[in-house]
């Protein structure tokens, strides 16, 4: 590989990381918010309408928290693991709760 090609690749790496963080914050944050709302709406032991409103309010807070976590963590892998792992746990919990009676 030529030295000029290697230098251009080194300059492109920070831009790729920035785009990856942006996608993780937006798409991952949205997925986390949806999974949290779904799990809370299914799991809260209150009336269905109250559970839906409470879950939606909690989900509104989840997306900015995910974005702060994404940009506040020095390693992108740790941020992705945290957001995607929590999303998977919440989605699995909502699935295990099942359909409301």
Foldseek 3Di string as FASTA:
>chain_A
DDPVVVVVVVVCVVVVLVVLLVCCLVVLLLLLLVLQLLLQLLPDPDDNVVSNVVSNVVSVVSSVVLSCLSVVDPDNVVSNCVSVVSSVVSNVNSVVSPDDD
